[in-house]
N, C-alpha and C. Protein backbone atom coordinates (compact mmCIF):
# COMPACT_ATOMS: atom_id res chain seq x y z
N MET A 1 63.97 0.89 115.98
CA MET A 1 63.95 1.03 117.42
C MET A 1 64.84 -0.05 118.03
N GLN A 2 65.67 0.32 118.95
CA GLN A 2 66.59 -0.60 119.62
C GLN A 2 65.99 -1.06 120.94
N MET A 3 66.27 -2.32 121.28
CA MET A 3 65.79 -2.88 122.54
C MET A 3 66.99 -3.44 123.28
N SER A 4 67.06 -3.16 124.57
CA SER A 4 68.18 -3.69 125.34
C SER A 4 68.00 -5.18 125.55
N ARG A 5 69.10 -5.87 125.81
CA ARG A 5 69.03 -7.31 126.05
C ARG A 5 68.26 -7.61 127.33
N LYS A 6 68.31 -6.70 128.28
CA LYS A 6 67.59 -6.89 129.54
C LYS A 6 66.08 -6.88 129.30
N ILE A 7 65.61 -5.94 128.52
CA ILE A 7 64.18 -5.86 128.20
C ILE A 7 63.75 -7.06 127.37
N ALA A 8 64.58 -7.45 126.40
CA ALA A 8 64.26 -8.61 125.56
C ALA A 8 64.18 -9.87 126.41
N GLY A 9 65.10 -10.04 127.34
CA GLY A 9 65.06 -11.20 128.23
C GLY A 9 63.82 -11.19 129.11
N PHE A 10 63.46 -10.00 129.58
CA PHE A 10 62.24 -9.87 130.40
C PHE A 10 61.01 -10.30 129.59
N LEU A 11 60.92 -9.88 128.33
CA LEU A 11 59.77 -10.24 127.50
C LEU A 11 59.70 -11.75 127.27
N VAL A 12 60.84 -12.38 127.06
CA VAL A 12 60.86 -13.83 126.87
C VAL A 12 60.43 -14.54 128.16
N ALA A 13 60.95 -14.09 129.30
CA ALA A 13 60.57 -14.69 130.58
C ALA A 13 59.08 -14.48 130.87
N LEU A 14 58.57 -13.29 130.58
CA LEU A 14 57.15 -13.01 130.78
C LEU A 14 56.29 -13.90 129.90
N ALA A 15 56.69 -14.08 128.65
CA ALA A 15 55.94 -14.93 127.74
C ALA A 15 55.91 -16.37 128.24
N ALA A 16 57.06 -16.86 128.71
CA ALA A 16 57.11 -18.24 129.23
C ALA A 16 56.21 -18.39 130.45
N PHE A 17 56.24 -17.40 131.33
CA PHE A 17 55.39 -17.45 132.52
C PHE A 17 53.91 -17.43 132.14
N MET A 18 53.54 -16.56 131.19
CA MET A 18 52.14 -16.47 130.77
C MET A 18 51.66 -17.78 130.16
N ILE A 19 52.48 -18.39 129.33
CA ILE A 19 52.09 -19.65 128.71
C ILE A 19 51.88 -20.72 129.78
N PHE A 20 52.83 -20.83 130.71
CA PHE A 20 52.71 -21.81 131.79
C PHE A 20 51.47 -21.54 132.63
N GLU A 21 51.27 -20.28 133.00
CA GLU A 21 50.16 -19.92 133.88
C GLU A 21 48.80 -20.22 133.25
N TRP A 22 48.60 -19.82 132.00
CA TRP A 22 47.28 -19.97 131.39
C TRP A 22 46.99 -21.41 130.98
N ILE A 23 48.03 -22.17 130.61
CA ILE A 23 47.80 -23.58 130.32
C ILE A 23 47.45 -24.32 131.62
N SER A 24 48.14 -23.98 132.70
CA SER A 24 47.81 -24.58 134.00
C SER A 24 46.38 -24.25 134.40
N LEU A 25 45.97 -23.01 134.22
CA LEU A 25 44.60 -22.63 134.54
C LEU A 25 43.61 -23.42 133.71
N GLY A 26 43.91 -23.60 132.44
CA GLY A 26 43.01 -24.36 131.58
C GLY A 26 42.81 -25.79 132.05
N PHE A 27 43.89 -26.42 132.51
CA PHE A 27 43.77 -27.79 133.01
C PHE A 27 43.12 -27.85 134.39
N ASN A 28 43.17 -26.77 135.14
CA ASN A 28 42.65 -26.79 136.51
C ASN A 28 41.20 -26.32 136.63
N LEU A 29 40.57 -25.97 135.52
CA LEU A 29 39.16 -25.58 135.60
C LEU A 29 38.33 -26.80 135.99
N ALA A 30 37.59 -26.66 137.08
CA ALA A 30 36.80 -27.78 137.59
C ALA A 30 35.45 -27.87 136.87
N ASP A 31 34.89 -29.05 136.88
CA ASP A 31 33.57 -29.26 136.28
C ASP A 31 32.51 -28.66 137.19
N GLY A 32 31.32 -28.48 136.64
CA GLY A 32 30.19 -28.03 137.44
C GLY A 32 29.83 -26.57 137.24
N HIS A 33 30.51 -25.90 136.34
CA HIS A 33 30.18 -24.50 136.06
C HIS A 33 29.28 -24.43 134.83
N PRO A 34 28.55 -23.33 134.70
CA PRO A 34 27.75 -23.17 133.48
C PRO A 34 28.64 -23.05 132.25
N THR A 35 28.07 -23.32 131.10
CA THR A 35 28.82 -23.29 129.84
C THR A 35 29.45 -21.93 129.59
N ALA A 36 28.77 -20.86 129.95
CA ALA A 36 29.30 -19.51 129.72
C ALA A 36 30.62 -19.30 130.45
N PHE A 37 30.76 -19.90 131.61
CA PHE A 37 32.00 -19.80 132.37
C PHE A 37 33.16 -20.36 131.57
N TYR A 38 32.96 -21.51 130.95
CA TYR A 38 34.02 -22.15 130.16
C TYR A 38 34.30 -21.38 128.88
N VAL A 39 33.27 -20.83 128.28
CA VAL A 39 33.46 -20.04 127.06
C VAL A 39 34.30 -18.81 127.36
N VAL A 40 33.94 -18.09 128.41
CA VAL A 40 34.68 -16.86 128.77
C VAL A 40 36.12 -17.20 129.12
N HIS A 41 36.33 -18.22 129.92
CA HIS A 41 37.70 -18.57 130.30
C HIS A 41 38.49 -19.13 129.12
N GLY A 42 37.81 -19.83 128.23
CA GLY A 42 38.48 -20.30 127.01
C GLY A 42 38.96 -19.14 126.15
N ILE A 43 38.11 -18.11 126.03
CA ILE A 43 38.50 -16.92 125.27
C ILE A 43 39.66 -16.20 125.96
N LEU A 44 39.59 -16.06 127.27
CA LEU A 44 40.69 -15.42 128.02
C LEU A 44 42.00 -16.18 127.83
N ILE A 45 41.93 -17.49 127.90
CA ILE A 45 43.14 -18.30 127.74
C ILE A 45 43.69 -18.13 126.33
N ALA A 46 42.84 -18.19 125.32
CA ALA A 46 43.30 -18.06 123.94
C ALA A 46 43.93 -16.70 123.68
N VAL A 47 43.29 -15.64 124.14
CA VAL A 47 43.83 -14.29 123.92
C VAL A 47 45.17 -14.12 124.63
N ASN A 48 45.27 -14.61 125.85
CA ASN A 48 46.52 -14.46 126.59
C ASN A 48 47.63 -15.33 126.02
N LEU A 49 47.32 -16.49 125.46
CA LEU A 49 48.35 -17.29 124.81
C LEU A 49 48.86 -16.61 123.55
N VAL A 50 47.95 -16.00 122.79
CA VAL A 50 48.38 -15.26 121.60
C VAL A 50 49.27 -14.08 122.01
N LEU A 51 48.87 -13.37 123.04
CA LEU A 51 49.66 -12.25 123.54
C LEU A 51 51.04 -12.73 124.01
N ALA A 52 51.09 -13.86 124.68
CA ALA A 52 52.36 -14.41 125.15
C ALA A 52 53.26 -14.78 123.98
N ILE A 53 52.68 -15.35 122.94
CA ILE A 53 53.48 -15.71 121.76
C ILE A 53 54.03 -14.47 121.10
N VAL A 54 53.22 -13.43 120.97
CA VAL A 54 53.68 -12.18 120.36
C VAL A 54 54.81 -11.56 121.18
N LEU A 55 54.64 -11.51 122.51
CA LEU A 55 55.70 -10.96 123.36
C LEU A 55 56.96 -11.80 123.29
N GLY A 56 56.81 -13.11 123.23
CA GLY A 56 57.96 -13.99 123.12
C GLY A 56 58.72 -13.79 121.82
N VAL A 57 57.99 -13.63 120.72
CA VAL A 57 58.64 -13.40 119.43
C VAL A 57 59.38 -12.07 119.43
N ILE A 58 58.76 -11.03 119.97
CA ILE A 58 59.42 -9.73 120.05
C ILE A 58 60.67 -9.83 120.91
N GLY A 59 60.57 -10.51 122.05
CA GLY A 59 61.73 -10.67 122.92
C GLY A 59 62.84 -11.46 122.27
N LEU A 60 62.50 -12.56 121.58
CA LEU A 60 63.52 -13.35 120.90
C LEU A 60 64.19 -12.57 119.78
N ARG A 61 63.41 -11.80 119.05
CA ARG A 61 64.01 -10.97 118.00
C ARG A 61 64.96 -9.94 118.59
N GLY A 62 64.61 -9.42 119.77
CA GLY A 62 65.49 -8.47 120.44
C GLY A 62 66.77 -9.11 120.95
N LEU A 63 66.68 -10.39 121.37
CA LEU A 63 67.88 -11.09 121.85
C LEU A 63 68.79 -11.50 120.70
N VAL A 64 68.19 -11.92 119.59
CA VAL A 64 68.97 -12.45 118.48
C VAL A 64 69.55 -11.34 117.61
N LYS A 65 68.83 -10.26 117.45
CA LYS A 65 69.26 -9.20 116.55
C LYS A 65 70.53 -8.54 117.05
N ARG A 66 71.47 -8.42 116.16
CA ARG A 66 72.72 -7.77 116.48
C ARG A 66 72.71 -6.36 115.93
N PRO A 67 73.40 -5.44 116.59
CA PRO A 67 73.42 -4.09 116.07
C PRO A 67 74.08 -4.03 114.70
N GLU A 68 73.52 -3.21 113.86
CA GLU A 68 74.06 -3.06 112.51
C GLU A 68 75.34 -2.24 112.56
N ARG A 69 76.32 -2.72 111.83
CA ARG A 69 77.59 -2.00 111.76
C ARG A 69 77.69 -1.33 110.40
N PRO A 70 78.19 -0.12 110.36
CA PRO A 70 78.33 0.54 109.07
C PRO A 70 79.41 -0.13 108.24
N LEU A 71 79.14 -0.23 106.95
CA LEU A 71 80.14 -0.82 106.05
C LEU A 71 81.24 0.19 105.80
N VAL A 72 82.46 -0.23 105.98
CA VAL A 72 83.61 0.68 105.80
C VAL A 72 84.34 0.36 104.53
């Protein structure tokens, strides 16, 4: 399957935004909530960081991969 450079760049940018957003959220969680609140948000942050890494890797592979040329 071929991916355009525009889509690959979008995936890399989206991954960078997701990583920044969820790490910022993790640092901005205020004290005073029940433990379940932190557990749920910790799981959300972890899942979204993994998703961001996967999207970033797919995007980078799309940017780096060059089209195959037939051997003549």
